[in-house]
C-alpha cells in the first residue's frame, strides 16, 4: 500500500501510527506544514517513510520567515511538500505571500536539480499550473487532491504532473470523474490524514485501501491489478528522483 500524502506528525499518537505503518508494510510520504517541523518528523518515520520538506500555503503569511530554514534543509531530502497555493476566501488576504513562498520553493528546487513535490492547489489550480510552467526545472509535481476543472486537469497532464488521490476525494462524483480522466501511469494513493475524515474519524494511512477499491471500479480492473499499477508508478517516480 502507498500513502503518498499524509501528515504523520499531526496524528494524536504519531508513534503508534508509524508503528502500524511498519507492521502493514506501507510506503508513506509524510508531508510537513513548516520547515521547522521537518527534522523531528524525519526522525520519527519508519524505514519505508519519506519525509517531505514543506511550507503549507495556509501558513505562508505567518511563516515565510522560515524560507531560509527551508533552503538550509532542502539538500537533505528528495521530497518537498506540502507546498502550493490555496485560493479559499479565508486565505485570500495572504495571497501575495502564498505566491512569493511558492515561487521561492520552486526556484530553490530547480536550483537543487529538482525534487518530487506534493502540491496543494485548492481553488488555485490555474495559478499553481502557471507557477509550474514558469519553473519547469523544479522537479516532478504531484498534485494532491486535485479539484480543478477538467480543462486545468488536461493542462496539468500536458505539463507532466502526477496526482495523488484518496478515499475522501473519491467519495464524490466529481472526484471520480476527474480521476477517470487522469493517466493511470501517473496516479498514486493518499490518505491526507488526519485532515481528511470519514464518518467524523481521521483517515488512517492504511485506509488508502479504500481508494484502491474505488480505483478498481473506475478502471474496471481487480484490486490486485490496481495495486500492481500503483507500485509500478511509485517505482517510476522514485527513479525520476534519483
Protein backbone atom coordinates (compact mmCIF):
# COMPACT_ATOMS: atom_id res chain seq x y z
CA UNK A 1 0.00 0.00 0.00
CA UNK A 2 1.07 3.55 -0.75
CA UNK A 3 0.13 6.70 1.14
CA UNK A 4 1.75 9.50 -0.83
CA UNK A 5 0.37 12.39 1.23
CA UNK A 6 -0.03 12.01 4.96
CA UNK A 7 0.59 14.37 7.88
CA UNK A 8 2.11 11.69 10.07
CA UNK A 9 3.33 14.15 12.71
CA UNK A 10 -0.16 15.61 13.23
CA UNK A 11 -1.97 12.45 14.35
CA UNK A 12 -2.70 12.46 18.11
CA UNK A 13 -0.38 9.44 18.56
CA UNK A 14 2.09 9.63 15.68
CA UNK A 15 4.42 6.95 17.08
CA UNK A 16 1.58 4.43 17.22
CA UNK A 17 0.52 5.28 13.67
CA UNK A 18 4.13 4.95 12.47
CA UNK A 19 4.44 1.51 14.07
CA UNK A 20 1.21 0.40 12.42
CA UNK A 21 2.54 1.58 9.05
CA UNK A 22 5.64 -0.58 9.60
CA UNK A 23 3.54 -3.61 10.53
CA UNK A 24 1.42 -3.20 7.41
CA UNK A 25 4.38 -2.57 5.10
CA UNK A 26 3.17 0.82 3.88
CA UNK A 27 5.18 3.29 1.86
CA UNK A 28 4.34 6.70 3.34
CA UNK A 29 5.21 10.20 2.20
CA UNK A 30 4.94 12.18 5.41
CA UNK A 31 4.44 15.81 4.41
CA UNK A 32 5.15 18.70 6.76
CA UNK A 33 3.49 22.09 7.04
CA UNK A 34 6.55 24.11 8.09
CA UNK A 35 10.32 23.69 7.71
CA UNK A 36 10.68 23.73 11.50
CA UNK A 37 8.60 20.52 11.67
CA UNK A 38 10.79 18.60 9.23
CA UNK A 39 13.66 17.46 11.45
CA UNK A 40 11.65 15.83 14.23
CA UNK A 41 9.20 14.30 11.76
CA UNK A 42 12.00 12.81 9.67
CA UNK A 43 13.45 11.13 12.76
CA UNK A 44 10.07 9.57 13.62
CA UNK A 45 9.40 7.93 10.26
CA UNK A 46 9.76 4.18 9.70
CA UNK A 47 12.10 2.81 7.04
CA UNK A 48 9.58 2.97 4.18
CA UNK A 49 8.60 6.53 5.07
CA UNK A 50 9.98 9.57 3.32
CA UNK A 51 9.58 12.96 4.99
CA UNK A 52 8.83 15.89 2.71
CA UNK A 53 10.00 19.41 3.50
CA UNK A 54 7.05 21.76 3.37
CA UNK A 55 5.60 25.20 3.92
CA UNK A 56 1.82 24.94 3.65
CA UNK A 57 0.13 27.78 1.72
CA UNK A 58 -2.36 28.35 4.52
CA UNK A 59 0.60 29.19 6.77
CA UNK A 60 2.63 31.15 4.22
CA UNK A 61 1.66 34.57 5.51
CA UNK A 62 2.89 33.92 9.04
CA UNK A 63 5.75 31.52 8.30
CA UNK A 64 7.50 32.98 5.25
CA UNK A 65 10.36 33.88 7.59
CA UNK A 66 11.14 30.13 7.61
CA UNK A 67 12.17 30.16 3.95
CA UNK A 68 15.82 30.45 4.95
CA UNK A 69 15.37 27.30 7.03
CA UNK A 70 13.72 25.65 4.03
CA UNK A 71 16.76 26.44 1.92
CA UNK A 72 19.10 25.02 4.58
CA UNK A 73 17.19 21.73 4.81
CA UNK A 74 16.44 21.23 1.12
CA UNK A 75 19.67 19.30 0.34
CA UNK A 76 18.75 16.65 2.94
CA UNK A 77 15.82 15.09 1.08
CA UNK A 78 14.34 14.41 -2.35
CA UNK A 79 10.72 15.21 -1.46
CA UNK A 80 9.06 18.60 -0.90
CA UNK A 81 5.56 19.12 0.45
CA UNK A 82 3.10 20.25 1.40
CA UNK A 83 3.54 23.37 -0.69
CA UNK A 84 1.38 25.22 -3.19
CA UNK A 85 -1.46 27.73 -3.22
CA UNK A 86 -4.89 27.96 -1.58
CA UNK A 87 -7.48 30.24 -3.13
CA UNK A 88 -10.20 29.75 -0.50
CA UNK A 89 -11.69 33.04 0.77
CA UNK A 90 -10.24 32.56 4.25
CA UNK A 91 -6.71 32.71 2.83
CA UNK A 92 -7.01 35.30 0.07
CA UNK A 93 -5.65 38.07 2.32
CA UNK A 94 -2.29 36.33 2.25
CA UNK A 95 -2.36 35.57 -1.48
CA UNK A 96 0.74 37.59 -2.34
CA UNK A 97 2.66 35.86 0.43
CA UNK A 98 1.49 32.49 -0.88
CA UNK A 99 2.71 33.31 -4.37
CA UNK A 100 6.03 34.59 -3.08
CA UNK A 101 6.62 31.48 -0.96
CA UNK A 102 5.57 29.02 -3.66
CA UNK A 103 7.74 30.67 -6.31
CA UNK A 104 10.66 30.67 -3.88
CA UNK A 105 10.17 26.95 -3.23
CA UNK A 106 10.02 26.14 -6.94
CA UNK A 107 13.11 28.20 -7.70
CA UNK A 108 15.03 26.62 -4.83
CA UNK A 109 14.07 23.13 -6.04
CA UNK A 110 15.13 23.98 -9.58
CA UNK A 111 18.49 25.14 -8.24
CA UNK A 112 18.86 21.83 -6.37
CA UNK A 113 18.39 19.67 -9.51
CA UNK A 114 14.68 19.19 -8.89
CA UNK A 115 12.55 17.47 -6.29
CA UNK A 116 9.35 15.43 -6.10
CA UNK A 117 6.77 17.97 -4.93
CA UNK A 118 3.45 17.23 -3.22
CA UNK A 119 1.36 20.25 -4.15
CA UNK A 120 -1.82 21.79 -2.72
CA UNK A 121 -3.98 23.55 -5.31
CA UNK A 122 -7.42 24.05 -3.77
CA UNK A 123 -9.32 26.75 -5.69
CA UNK A 124 -5.99 27.72 -7.24
CA UNK A 125 -5.25 25.10 -9.86
CA UNK A 126 -4.73 27.59 -12.71
CA UNK A 127 -2.34 29.69 -10.62
CA UNK A 128 -0.41 26.61 -9.48
CA UNK A 129 -0.04 25.47 -13.08
CA UNK A 130 1.07 28.96 -14.12
CA UNK A 131 3.83 28.81 -11.49
CA UNK A 132 4.88 25.32 -12.56
CA UNK A 133 5.01 26.42 -16.17
CA UNK A 134 7.25 29.35 -15.18
CA UNK A 135 9.66 26.98 -13.41
CA UNK A 136 9.71 23.65 -15.28
CA UNK A 137 13.01 22.55 -13.73
CA UNK A 138 11.56 22.46 -10.19
CA UNK A 139 11.07 18.71 -10.47
CA UNK A 140 8.11 16.35 -10.67
CA UNK A 141 4.83 17.90 -9.45
CA UNK A 142 2.36 15.57 -7.72
CA UNK A 143 -0.96 17.38 -7.37
CA UNK A 144 -2.51 16.28 -4.10
CA UNK A 145 -6.34 16.00 -4.03
CA UNK A 146 -6.70 17.84 -7.35
CA UNK A 147 -10.11 19.55 -7.59
CA UNK A 148 -9.71 21.88 -10.55
CA UNK A 149 -11.61 21.92 -13.82
CA UNK A 150 -11.25 19.24 -16.49
CA UNK A 151 -9.51 21.87 -18.61
CA UNK A 152 -6.97 22.51 -15.85
CA UNK A 153 -6.53 18.77 -15.43
CA UNK A 154 -5.72 18.34 -19.10
CA UNK A 155 -3.21 21.18 -18.84
CA UNK A 156 -1.64 19.58 -15.77
CA UNK A 157 -1.22 16.33 -17.69
CA UNK A 158 0.50 18.19 -20.55
CA UNK A 159 2.86 19.79 -18.02
CA UNK A 160 3.88 16.35 -16.74
CA UNK A 161 2.05 16.46 -13.41
CA UNK A 162 1.25 13.37 -11.36
CA UNK A 163 -1.71 13.01 -8.99
CA UNK A 164 -2.32 11.56 -5.53
CA UNK A 165 -5.92 10.61 -4.79
CA UNK A 166 -7.60 9.44 -1.61
CA UNK A 167 -10.82 7.85 -0.39
CA UNK A 168 -12.46 11.13 0.62
CA UNK A 169 -11.77 12.71 -2.77
CA UNK A 170 -13.14 9.60 -4.46
CA UNK A 171 -16.40 9.69 -2.49
CA UNK A 172 -17.70 12.46 -4.74
CA UNK A 173 -18.89 12.02 -8.31
CA UNK A 174 -16.74 14.99 -9.35
CA UNK A 175 -13.65 13.44 -7.80
CA UNK A 176 -14.26 10.13 -9.53
CA UNK A 177 -14.84 11.82 -12.90
CA UNK A 178 -11.53 13.71 -12.58
CA UNK A 179 -9.67 10.53 -11.65
CA UNK A 180 -11.18 8.71 -14.62
CA UNK A 181 -9.59 11.42 -16.81
CA UNK A 182 -6.12 11.12 -15.22
CA UNK A 183 -3.43 8.93 -16.83
CA UNK A 184 -3.28 5.68 -14.89
CA UNK A 185 0.51 5.69 -15.01
CA UNK A 186 0.68 8.96 -13.06
CA UNK A 187 -1.64 8.15 -10.14
CA UNK A 188 -0.73 7.29 -6.53
CA UNK A 189 -2.95 6.86 -3.49
CA UNK A 190 -3.01 9.11 -0.43
CA UNK A 191 -4.87 9.45 2.85
CA UNK A 192 -4.36 13.16 3.67
CA UNK A 193 -4.80 12.06 7.26
CA UNK A 194 -5.52 13.28 9.83
CA UNK A 195 -7.19 16.20 7.99
CA UNK A 196 -9.30 14.02 5.70
CA UNK A 197 -12.09 12.32 7.61
CA UNK A 198 -14.65 9.60 7.03
CA UNK A 199 -17.61 9.44 9.38
CA UNK A 200 -16.03 12.03 11.65
CA UNK A 201 -12.83 10.00 12.12
CA UNK A 202 -9.43 10.80 10.66
CA UNK A 203 -8.45 8.67 7.69
CA UNK A 204 -5.52 6.43 8.62
CA UNK A 205 -2.65 5.74 6.19
CA UNK A 206 -3.68 2.11 5.67
CA UNK A 207 -7.17 3.21 4.67
CA UNK A 208 -5.76 4.02 1.24
CA UNK A 209 -7.06 0.52 0.51
CA UNK A 210 -10.49 2.19 0.23
CA UNK A 211 -9.13 4.29 -2.63
CA UNK A 212 -7.75 1.17 -4.28
CA UNK A 213 -11.22 -0.34 -4.25
CA UNK A 214 -12.75 2.74 -5.87
CA UNK A 215 -9.99 2.89 -8.49
CA UNK A 216 -10.76 -0.74 -9.21
CA UNK A 217 -14.36 0.19 -10.01
CA UNK A 218 -13.37 3.24 -12.09
CA UNK A 219 -10.79 1.33 -14.14
CA UNK A 220 -12.73 -1.90 -14.38
CA UNK A 221 -9.77 -3.85 -13.03
CA UNK A 222 -9.41 -6.12 -9.99
CA UNK A 223 -7.74 -4.71 -6.87
CA UNK A 224 -4.61 -6.76 -7.47
CA UNK A 225 -4.09 -5.11 -10.87
CA UNK A 226 -4.66 -1.65 -9.35
CA UNK A 227 -2.05 -2.42 -6.67
CA UNK A 228 0.41 -3.51 -9.37
CA UNK A 229 -0.14 -0.27 -11.32
CA UNK A 230 0.34 1.87 -8.21
CA UNK A 231 3.50 0.01 -7.19
CA UNK A 232 4.92 0.38 -10.69
CA UNK A 233 4.06 4.10 -10.66
CA UNK A 234 5.87 4.59 -7.36
CA UNK A 235 8.93 2.84 -8.77
CA UNK A 236 8.97 5.08 -11.84
CA UNK A 237 8.54 8.23 -9.76
CA UNK A 238 11.31 7.17 -7.38
CA UNK A 239 13.67 6.62 -10.28
CA UNK A 240 12.94 10.12 -11.54
CA UNK A 241 14.05 11.49 -8.17
CA UNK A 242 17.43 9.78 -8.27
